[in-house]
Structure formats: C-alpha cells, structure tokens
C-alpha cells in the first residue's frame, strides 16, 4: 500500500492532482490493486486450512502493480503522472 499511502497524503495535503484521463486511470488502478492485495492478505490470515491458496493471486496483482508503476517510487511516479497531462 506504499503508493496508496503516498497518494492519499498528496490528496489530503494538496487536493486531487490535475491528471489526464490516462494518468488518473493508472492512479486509480494502483489504488484498487493495492486494496485487493490487502484484502487477500487479511483473508490469508483468517484461512486456517490452506492460507497459501492466496499467494498466486497476490503475486499476479503485485506483478500488475509493478507493470503500472514501472518500478518507480511513489514520489517519482506521481511526478510522472502529473507531467503526462
């Protein structure tokens, strides 16, 4: 949730950034995917019989996040999203 936490701090302190449609879509997709990972991690903790069954899905989502972010740190990604306006 490192990108989501950074994005939420930006929105809280500076308001919603003025992003192009594509950048906003990327922004929201990252937030959504990080939320999915958190939900799967919670489900994995609750699951007693086979907690490992969530690992593949978590890996796939993490791979999607890496593709969306290009491996950039949250601050660098936000700068790139704003500039691609």
PDB file of N, CA and C in Angstrom:
ATOM      1  N   UNK A   1       0.826  -1.195   0.000  1.00  0.00           N
ATOM      2  CA  UNK A   1       0.000   0.000   0.000  1.00  0.00           C
ATOM      3  C   UNK A   1       0.868   1.257   0.000  1.00  0.00           C
ATOM      4  N   UNK A   2       2.122   1.102  -0.342  1.00  0.00           N
ATOM      5  CA  UNK A   2       3.004   2.263  -0.258  1.00  0.00           C
ATOM      6  C   UNK A   2       2.617   3.356  -1.234  1.00  0.00           C
ATOM      7  N   UNK A   3       2.178   2.990  -2.442  1.00  0.00           N
ATOM      8  CA  UNK A   3       1.746   4.020  -3.389  1.00  0.00           C
ATOM      9  C   UNK A   3       0.447   4.666  -2.917  1.00  0.00           C
ATOM     10  N   UNK A   4      -0.480   3.849  -2.449  1.00  0.00           N
ATOM     11  CA  UNK A   4      -1.764   4.371  -1.984  1.00  0.00           C
ATOM     12  C   UNK A   4      -1.573   5.313  -0.801  1.00  0.00           C
ATOM     13  N   UNK A   5      -0.706   4.950   0.132  1.00  0.00           N
ATOM     14  CA  UNK A   5      -0.458   5.828   1.282  1.00  0.00           C
ATOM     15  C   UNK A   5       0.138   7.156   0.832  1.00  0.00           C
ATOM     16  N   UNK A   6       1.061   7.112  -0.105  1.00  0.00           N
ATOM     17  CA  UNK A   6       1.667   8.347  -0.607  1.00  0.00           C
ATOM     18  C   UNK A   6       0.613   9.181  -1.339  1.00  0.00           C
ATOM     19  N   UNK A   7      -0.162   8.529  -2.203  1.00  0.00           N
ATOM     20  CA  UNK A   7      -1.198   9.246  -2.956  1.00  0.00           C
ATOM     21  C   UNK A   7      -2.202   9.889  -2.008  1.00  0.00           C
ATOM     22  N   UNK A   8      -2.577   9.179  -0.948  1.00  0.00           N
ATOM     23  CA  UNK A   8      -3.564   9.741  -0.024  1.00  0.00           C
ATOM     24  C   UNK A   8      -3.002  10.954   0.705  1.00  0.00           C
ATOM     25  N   UNK A   9      -1.713  10.936   1.031  1.00  0.00           N
ATOM     26  CA  UNK A   9      -1.086  12.107   1.653  1.00  0.00           C
ATOM     27  C   UNK A   9      -1.086  13.296   0.703  1.00  0.00           C
ATOM     28  N   UNK A  10      -0.804  13.058  -0.553  1.00  0.00           N
ATOM     29  CA  UNK A  10      -0.827  14.136  -1.554  1.00  0.00           C
ATOM     30  C   UNK A  10      -2.228  14.732  -1.646  1.00  0.00           C
ATOM     31  N   UNK A  11      -3.225  13.879  -1.756  1.00  0.00           N
ATOM     32  CA  UNK A  11      -4.609  14.356  -1.877  1.00  0.00           C
ATOM     33  C   UNK A  11      -5.020  15.104  -0.613  1.00  0.00           C
ATOM     34  N   UNK A  12      -4.645  14.591   0.543  1.00  0.00           N
ATOM     35  CA  UNK A  12      -5.009  15.221   1.806  1.00  0.00           C
ATOM     36  C   UNK A  12      -4.353  16.605   1.931  1.00  0.00           C
ATOM     37  N   UNK A  13      -3.104  16.721   1.553  1.00  0.00           N
ATOM     38  CA  UNK A  13      -2.358  17.965   1.747  1.00  0.00           C
ATOM     39  C   UNK A  13      -2.523  18.974   0.610  1.00  0.00           C
ATOM     40  N   UNK A  14      -2.685  18.481  -0.625  1.00  0.00           N
ATOM     41  CA  UNK A  14      -2.692  19.382  -1.771  1.00  0.00           C
ATOM     42  C   UNK A  14      -3.964  19.323  -2.599  1.00  0.00           C
ATOM     43  N   UNK A  15      -4.856  18.416  -2.265  1.00  0.00           N
ATOM     44  CA  UNK A  15      -6.058  18.238  -3.064  1.00  0.00           C
ATOM     45  C   UNK A  15      -5.806  17.256  -4.191  1.00  0.00           C
ATOM     46  N   UNK A  16      -6.835  16.958  -4.914  1.00  0.00           N
ATOM     47  CA  UNK A  16      -6.732  15.995  -6.019  1.00  0.00           C
ATOM     48  C   UNK A  16      -5.888  16.608  -7.127  1.00  0.00           C
ATOM     49  N   UNK A  17      -4.830  15.902  -7.552  1.00  0.00           N
ATOM     50  CA  UNK A  17      -3.991  16.456  -8.617  1.00  0.00           C
ATOM     51  C   UNK A  17      -4.743  16.496  -9.942  1.00  0.00           C
ATOM     52  N   UNK A  18      -4.377  17.445 -10.760  1.00  0.00           N
ATOM     53  CA  UNK A  18      -4.984  17.582 -12.084  1.00  0.00           C
ATOM     54  C   UNK A  18      -4.269  16.619 -13.026  1.00  0.00           C
ATOM     55  N   UNK A  19      -4.898  15.481 -13.289  1.00  0.00           N
ATOM     56  CA  UNK A  19      -4.288  14.433 -14.097  1.00  0.00           C
ATOM     57  C   UNK A  19      -5.062  14.240 -15.395  1.00  0.00           C
ATOM     58  N   UNK A  20      -4.351  13.786 -16.413  1.00  0.00           N
ATOM     59  CA  UNK A  20      -5.019  13.412 -17.656  1.00  0.00           C
ATOM     60  C   UNK A  20      -5.866  12.172 -17.382  1.00  0.00           C
ATOM     61  N   UNK A  21      -6.719  11.844 -18.308  1.00  0.00           N
ATOM     62  CA  UNK A  21      -7.595  10.693 -18.117  1.00  0.00           C
ATOM     63  C   UNK A  21      -6.772   9.410 -17.941  1.00  0.00           C
ATOM     64  N   UNK A  22      -5.745   9.233 -18.754  1.00  0.00           N
ATOM     65  CA  UNK A  22      -4.907   8.037 -18.657  1.00  0.00           C
ATOM     66  C   UNK A  22      -4.154   7.972 -17.350  1.00  0.00           C
ATOM     67  N   UNK A  23      -3.614   9.110 -16.912  1.00  0.00           N
ATOM     68  CA  UNK A  23      -2.884   9.152 -15.645  1.00  0.00           C
ATOM     69  C   UNK A  23      -3.815   8.891 -14.470  1.00  0.00           C
ATOM     70  N   UNK A  24      -5.014   9.453 -14.523  1.00  0.00           N
ATOM     71  CA  UNK A  24      -5.979   9.230 -13.446  1.00  0.00           C
ATOM     72  C   UNK A  24      -6.374   7.756 -13.395  1.00  0.00           C
ATOM     73  N   UNK A  25      -6.524   7.148 -14.552  1.00  0.00           N
ATOM     74  CA  UNK A  25      -6.876   5.735 -14.604  1.00  0.00           C
ATOM     75  C   UNK A  25      -5.761   4.890 -13.993  1.00  0.00           C
ATOM     76  N   UNK A  26      -4.513   5.200 -14.306  1.00  0.00           N
ATOM     77  CA  UNK A  26      -3.377   4.492 -13.719  1.00  0.00           C
ATOM     78  C   UNK A  26      -3.369   4.679 -12.209  1.00  0.00           C
ATOM     79  N   UNK A  27      -3.554   5.912 -11.772  1.00  0.00           N
ATOM     80  CA  UNK A  27      -3.612   6.277 -10.354  1.00  0.00           C
ATOM     81  C   UNK A  27      -4.647   5.409  -9.634  1.00  0.00           C
ATOM     82  N   UNK A  28      -5.848   5.355 -10.171  1.00  0.00           N
ATOM     83  CA  UNK A  28      -6.927   4.608  -9.528  1.00  0.00           C
ATOM     84  C   UNK A  28      -6.712   3.093  -9.608  1.00  0.00           C
ATOM     85  N   UNK A  29      -6.144   2.620 -10.705  1.00  0.00           N
ATOM     86  CA  UNK A  29      -5.869   1.184 -10.820  1.00  0.00           C
ATOM     87  C   UNK A  29      -4.875   0.729  -9.761  1.00  0.00           C
ATOM     88  N   UNK A  30      -3.848   1.531  -9.516  1.00  0.00           N
ATOM     89  CA  UNK A  30      -2.860   1.193  -8.488  1.00  0.00           C
ATOM     90  C   UNK A  30      -3.523   1.136  -7.121  1.00  0.00           C
ATOM     91  N   UNK A  31      -4.338   2.126  -6.815  1.00  0.00           N
ATOM     92  CA  UNK A  31      -5.040   2.152  -5.525  1.00  0.00           C
ATOM     93  C   UNK A  31      -5.931   0.911  -5.386  1.00  0.00           C
ATOM     94  N   UNK A  32      -6.659   0.590  -6.430  1.00  0.00           N
ATOM     95  CA  UNK A  32      -7.556  -0.570  -6.408  1.00  0.00           C
ATOM     96  C   UNK A  32      -6.773  -1.871  -6.199  1.00  0.00           C
ATOM     97  N   UNK A  33      -5.691  -2.050  -6.954  1.00  0.00           N
ATOM     98  CA  UNK A  33      -4.923  -3.281  -6.851  1.00  0.00           C
ATOM     99  C   UNK A  33      -4.252  -3.428  -5.487  1.00  0.00           C
ATOM    100  N   UNK A  34      -3.744  -2.328  -4.946  1.00  0.00           N
ATOM    101  CA  UNK A  34      -3.147  -2.413  -3.616  1.00  0.00           C
ATOM    102  C   UNK A  34      -4.207  -2.754  -2.565  1.00  0.00           C
ATOM    103  N   UNK A  35      -5.411  -2.266  -2.749  1.00  0.00           N
ATOM    104  CA  UNK A  35      -6.512  -2.631  -1.855  1.00  0.00           C
ATOM    105  C   UNK A  35      -6.855  -4.108  -1.948  1.00  0.00           C
ATOM    106  N   UNK A  36      -6.817  -4.644  -3.164  1.00  0.00           N
ATOM    107  CA  UNK A  36      -7.079  -6.071  -3.344  1.00  0.00           C
ATOM    108  C   UNK A  36      -6.027  -6.914  -2.613  1.00  0.00           C
ATOM    109  N   UNK A  37      -4.788  -6.497  -2.712  1.00  0.00           N
ATOM    110  CA  UNK A  37      -3.721  -7.238  -2.027  1.00  0.00           C
ATOM    111  C   UNK A  37      -3.953  -7.233  -0.520  1.00  0.00           C
ATOM    112  N   UNK A  38      -4.317  -6.084   0.021  1.00  0.00           N
ATOM    113  CA  UNK A  38      -4.572  -6.014   1.467  1.00  0.00           C
ATOM    114  C   UNK A  38      -5.711  -6.944   1.859  1.00  0.00           C
ATOM    115  N   UNK A  39      -6.759  -6.981   1.055  1.00  0.00           N
ATOM    116  CA  UNK A  39      -7.879  -7.875   1.340  1.00  0.00           C
ATOM    117  C   UNK A  39      -7.478  -9.337   1.285  1.00  0.00           C
ATOM    118  N   UNK A  40      -6.663  -9.705   0.297  1.00  0.00           N
ATOM    119  CA  UNK A  40      -6.201 -11.088   0.195  1.00  0.00           C
ATOM    120  C   UNK A  40      -5.266 -11.456   1.337  1.00  0.00           C
ATOM    121  N   UNK A  41      -4.457 -10.517   1.781  1.00  0.00           N
ATOM    122  CA  UNK A  41      -3.568 -10.791   2.916  1.00  0.00           C
ATOM    123  C   UNK A  41      -4.376 -11.028   4.189  1.00  0.00           C
ATOM    124  N   UNK A  42      -5.440 -10.261   4.365  1.00  0.00           N
ATOM    125  CA  UNK A  42      -6.310 -10.478   5.534  1.00  0.00           C
ATOM    126  C   UNK A  42      -7.000 -11.833   5.443  1.00  0.00           C
ATOM    127  N   UNK A  43      -7.465 -12.185   4.244  1.00  0.00           N
ATOM    128  CA  UNK A  43      -8.126 -13.480   4.056  1.00  0.00           C
ATOM    129  C   UNK A  43      -7.142 -14.617   4.313  1.00  0.00           C
ATOM    130  N   UNK A  44      -5.894 -14.428   3.910  1.00  0.00           N
ATOM    131  CA  UNK A  44      -4.862 -15.448   4.120  1.00  0.00           C
ATOM    132  C   UNK A  44      -4.632 -15.671   5.621  1.00  0.00           C
ATOM    133  N   UNK A  45      -4.689 -14.607   6.416  1.00  0.00           N
ATOM    134  CA  UNK A  45      -4.504 -14.739   7.870  1.00  0.00           C
ATOM    135  C   UNK A  45      -5.675 -15.475   8.517  1.00  0.00           C
ATOM    136  N   UNK A  46      -6.866 -15.264   7.969  1.00  0.00           N
ATOM    137  CA  UNK A  46      -8.065 -15.894   8.530  1.00  0.00           C
ATOM    138  C   UNK A  46      -8.148 -17.362   8.141  1.00  0.00           C
ATOM    139  N   UNK A  47      -7.745 -17.669   6.934  1.00  0.00           N
ATOM    140  CA  UNK A  47      -7.833 -19.031   6.403  1.00  0.00           C
ATOM    141  C   UNK A  47      -6.918 -19.964   7.190  1.00  0.00           C
ATOM    142  N   UNK A  48      -7.495 -20.985   7.777  1.00  0.00           N
ATOM    143  CA  UNK A  48      -6.722 -21.906   8.618  1.00  0.00           C
ATOM    144  C   UNK A  48      -6.208 -23.118   7.837  1.00  0.00           C
ATOM    145  N   UNK A  49      -7.000 -23.596   6.880  1.00  0.00           N
ATOM    146  CA  UNK A  49      -6.668 -24.853   6.224  1.00  0.00           C
ATOM    147  C   UNK A  49      -5.643 -24.718   5.103  1.00  0.00           C
ATOM    148  N   UNK A  50      -5.756 -23.694   4.286  1.00  0.00           N
ATOM    149  CA  UNK A  50      -4.794 -23.537   3.189  1.00  0.00           C
ATOM    150  C   UNK A  50      -4.540 -22.051   2.913  1.00  0.00           C
ATOM    151  N   UNK A  51      -3.788 -21.407   3.803  1.00  0.00           N
ATOM    152  CA  UNK A  51      -3.534 -19.976   3.622  1.00  0.00           C
ATOM    153  C   UNK A  51      -2.721 -19.670   2.363  1.00  0.00           C
ATOM    154  N   UNK A  52      -1.974 -20.644   1.853  1.00  0.00           N
ATOM    155  CA  UNK A  52      -1.149 -20.439   0.665  1.00  0.00           C
ATOM    156  C   UNK A  52      -1.933 -20.305  -0.618  1.00  0.00           C
ATOM    157  N   UNK A  53      -3.217 -20.587  -0.574  1.00  0.00           N
ATOM    158  CA  UNK A  53      -4.005 -20.530  -1.802  1.00  0.00           C
ATOM    159  C   UNK A  53      -4.158 -19.096  -2.329  1.00  0.00           C
ATOM    160  N   UNK A  54      -3.860 -18.120  -1.507  1.00  0.00           N
ATOM    161  CA  UNK A  54      -3.969 -16.723  -1.929  1.00  0.00           C
ATOM    162  C   UNK A  54      -2.661 -16.191  -2.520  1.00  0.00           C
ATOM    163  N   UNK A  55      -1.583 -16.941  -2.343  1.00  0.00           N
ATOM    164  CA  UNK A  55      -0.268 -16.454  -2.744  1.00  0.00           C
ATOM    165  C   UNK A  55      -0.144 -16.190  -4.240  1.00  0.00           C
ATOM    166  N   UNK A  56      -0.680 -17.062  -5.064  1.00  0.00           N
ATOM    167  CA  UNK A  56      -0.582 -16.877  -6.511  1.00  0.00           C
ATOM    168  C   UNK A  56      -1.332 -15.622  -6.953  1.00  0.00           C
ATOM    169  N   UNK A  57      -2.516 -15.418  -6.405  1.00  0.00           N
ATOM    170  CA  UNK A  57      -3.301 -14.230  -6.757  1.00  0.00           C
ATOM    171  C   UNK A  57      -2.580 -12.958  -6.301  1.00  0.00           C
ATOM    172  N   UNK A  58      -2.011 -12.983  -5.114  1.00  0.00           N
ATOM    173  CA  UNK A  58      -1.255 -11.831  -4.615  1.00  0.00           C
ATOM    174  C   UNK A  58      -0.074 -11.554  -5.534  1.00  0.00           C
ATOM    175  N   UNK A  59       0.620 -12.605  -5.948  1.00  0.00           N
ATOM    176  CA  UNK A  59       1.759 -12.445  -6.856  1.00  0.00           C
ATOM    177  C   UNK A  59       1.332 -11.814  -8.176  1.00  0.00           C
ATOM    178  N   UNK A  60       0.227 -12.277  -8.732  1.00  0.00           N
ATOM    179  CA  UNK A  60      -0.267 -11.728 -10.007  1.00  0.00           C
ATOM    180  C   UNK A  60      -0.599 -10.237  -9.875  1.00  0.00           C
ATOM    181  N   UNK A  61      -1.226  -9.877  -8.778  1.00  0.00           N
ATOM    182  CA  UNK A  61      -1.584  -8.475  -8.561  1.00  0.00           C
ATOM    183  C   UNK A  61      -0.335  -7.630  -8.355  1.00  0.00           C
ATOM    184  N   UNK A  62       0.628  -8.151  -7.613  1.00  0.00           N
ATOM    185  CA  UNK A  62       1.886  -7.425  -7.413  1.00  0.00           C
ATOM    186  C   UNK A  62       2.600  -7.213  -8.745  1.00  0.00           C
ATOM    187  N   UNK A  63       2.526  -8.201  -9.618  1.00  0.00           N
ATOM    188  CA  UNK A  63       3.119  -8.085 -10.950  1.00  0.00           C
ATOM    189  C   UNK A  63       2.414  -6.988 -11.755  1.00  0.00           C
ATOM    190  N   UNK A  64       1.096  -6.922 -11.640  1.00  0.00           N
ATOM    191  CA  UNK A  64       0.329  -5.872 -12.334  1.00  0.00           C
ATOM    192  C   UNK A  64       0.694  -4.486 -11.806  1.00  0.00           C
ATOM    193  N   UNK A  65       0.872  -4.376 -10.507  1.00  0.00           N
ATOM    194  CA  UNK A  65       1.268  -3.095  -9.909  1.00  0.00           C
ATOM    195  C   UNK A  65       2.652  -2.695 -10.406  1.00  0.00           C
ATOM    196  N   UNK A  66       3.564  -3.641 -10.446  1.00  0.00           N
ATOM    197  CA  UNK A  66       4.923  -3.354 -10.926  1.00  0.00           C
ATOM    198  C   UNK A  66       4.885  -2.867 -12.377  1.00  0.00           C
ATOM    199  N   UNK A  67       4.002  -3.449 -13.164  1.00  0.00           N
ATOM    200  CA  UNK A  67       3.862  -3.027 -14.565  1.00  0.00           C
ATOM    201  C   UNK A  67       3.295  -1.610 -14.649  1.00  0.00           C
ATOM    202  N   UNK A  68       2.298  -1.316 -13.834  1.00  0.00           N
ATOM    203  CA  UNK A  68       1.688   0.018 -13.841  1.00  0.00           C
ATOM    204  C   UNK A  68       2.641   1.097 -13.340  1.00  0.00           C
ATOM    205  N   UNK A  69       3.427   0.764 -12.330  1.00  0.00           N
ATOM    206  CA  UNK A  69       4.306   1.764 -11.718  1.00  0.00           C
ATOM    207  C   UNK A  69       5.662   1.854 -12.408  1.00  0.00           C
ATOM    208  N   UNK A  70       5.998   0.855 -13.183  1.00  0.00           N
ATOM    209  CA  UNK A  70       7.302   0.835 -13.821  1.00  0.00           C
ATOM    210  C   UNK A  70       8.429   0.723 -12.811  1.00  0.00           C
ATOM    211  N   UNK A  71       8.120   0.242 -11.611  1.00  0.00           N
ATOM    212  CA  UNK A  71       9.112   0.090 -10.568  1.00  0.00           C
ATOM    213  C   UNK A  71       9.521   1.405  -9.905  1.00  0.00           C
ATOM    214  N   UNK A  72       8.785   2.471 -10.212  1.00  0.00           N
ATOM    215  CA  UNK A  72       9.118   3.785  -9.646  1.00  0.00           C
ATOM    216  C   UNK A  72       8.630   3.906  -8.206  1.00  0.00           C
ATOM    217  N   UNK A  73       9.359   4.683  -7.446  1.00  0.00           N
ATOM    218  CA  UNK A  73       8.919   5.025  -6.097  1.00  0.00           C
ATOM    219  C   UNK A  73       7.683   5.921  -6.214  1.00  0.00           C
ATOM    220  N   UNK A  74       6.851   5.961  -5.176  1.00  0.00           N
ATOM    221  CA  UNK A  74       5.605   6.736  -5.246  1.00  0.00           C
ATOM    222  C   UNK A  74       5.794   8.195  -5.667  1.00  0.00           C
ATOM    223  N   UNK A  75       6.787   8.874  -5.128  1.00  0.00           N
ATOM    224  CA  UNK A  75       7.002  10.281  -5.461  1.00  0.00           C
ATOM    225  C   UNK A  75       7.367  10.441  -6.936  1.00  0.00           C
ATOM    226  N   UNK A  76       8.259   9.596  -7.423  1.00  0.00           N
ATOM    227  CA  UNK A  76       8.661   9.653  -8.824  1.00  0.00           C
ATOM    228  C   UNK A  76       7.485   9.352  -9.749  1.00  0.00           C
ATOM    229  N   UNK A  77       6.680   8.367  -9.363  1.00  0.00           N
ATOM    230  CA  UNK A  77       5.512   8.017 -10.162  1.00  0.00           C
ATOM    231  C   UNK A  77       4.521   9.170 -10.217  1.00  0.00           C
ATOM    232  N   UNK A  78       4.278   9.817  -9.089  1.00  0.00           N
ATOM    233  CA  UNK A  78       3.337  10.937  -9.068  1.00  0.00           C
ATOM    234  C   UNK A  78       3.832  12.059  -9.980  1.00  0.00           C
ATOM    235  N   UNK A  79       5.124  12.337  -9.951  1.00  0.00           N
ATOM    236  CA  UNK A  79       5.682  13.364 -10.831  1.00  0.00           C
ATOM    237  C   UNK A  79       5.453  12.978 -12.293  1.00  0.00           C
ATOM    238  N   UNK A  80       5.674  11.729 -12.615  1.00  0.00           N
ATOM    239  CA  UNK A  80       5.469  11.276 -14.000  1.00  0.00           C
ATOM    240  C   UNK A  80       3.998  11.349 -14.396  1.00  0.00           C
ATOM    241  N   UNK A  81       3.107  10.991 -13.484  1.00  0.00           N
ATOM    242  CA  UNK A  81       1.677  11.048 -13.803  1.00  0.00           C
ATOM    243  C   UNK A  81       1.225  12.477 -14.046  1.00  0.00           C
ATOM    244  N   UNK A  82       1.716  13.401 -13.245  1.00  0.00           N
ATOM    245  CA  UNK A  82       1.336  14.812 -13.405  1.00  0.00           C
ATOM    246  C   UNK A  82       1.912  15.372 -14.704  1.00  0.00           C
ATOM    247  N   UNK A  83       3.131  15.014 -15.032  1.00  0.00           N
ATOM    248  CA  UNK A  83       3.771  15.531 -16.244  1.00  0.00           C
ATOM    249  C   UNK A  83       3.151  14.990 -17.517  1.00  0.00           C
ATOM    250  N   UNK A  84       2.558  13.802 -17.461  1.00  0.00           N
ATOM    251  CA  UNK A  84       1.985  13.203 -18.673  1.00  0.00           C
ATOM    252  C   UNK A  84       0.623  13.791 -19.000  1.00  0.00           C
ATOM    253  N   UNK A  85       0.266  14.844 -18.339  1.00  0.00           N
ATOM    254  CA  UNK A  85      -1.010  15.537 -18.512  1.00  0.00           C
ATOM    255  C   UNK A  85      -1.184  16.062 -19.863  1.00  0.00           C
TER     256      UNK A  85
END
